[in-house]
């Protein structure tokens, strides 16, 4: 039986992608979706899913930034004696 090194490399690559998705805090459903898309050979859909995950993370970043802005406002107010 011949070994398909291209497929093995792609499987190694997808495992790295999945590990990075975990490290980035992507939702478990999205990680599993990417695994299924890879198994189905739908690389373009993987890219779309990763872009959606990125958008979700950017939204979380913006929410956190708004919280930091609120705290900064409170700090300035406290430093000025309210």
Foldseek 3Di string as FASTA:
>chain_A
DDDDVVVVVVVVVLVVVLVVCVVLVFDPVLSVVLVVCVVVVNVVVNVVSVVVSVVVSVVVVVVVVVVVVVVVVVVVCVVVVD
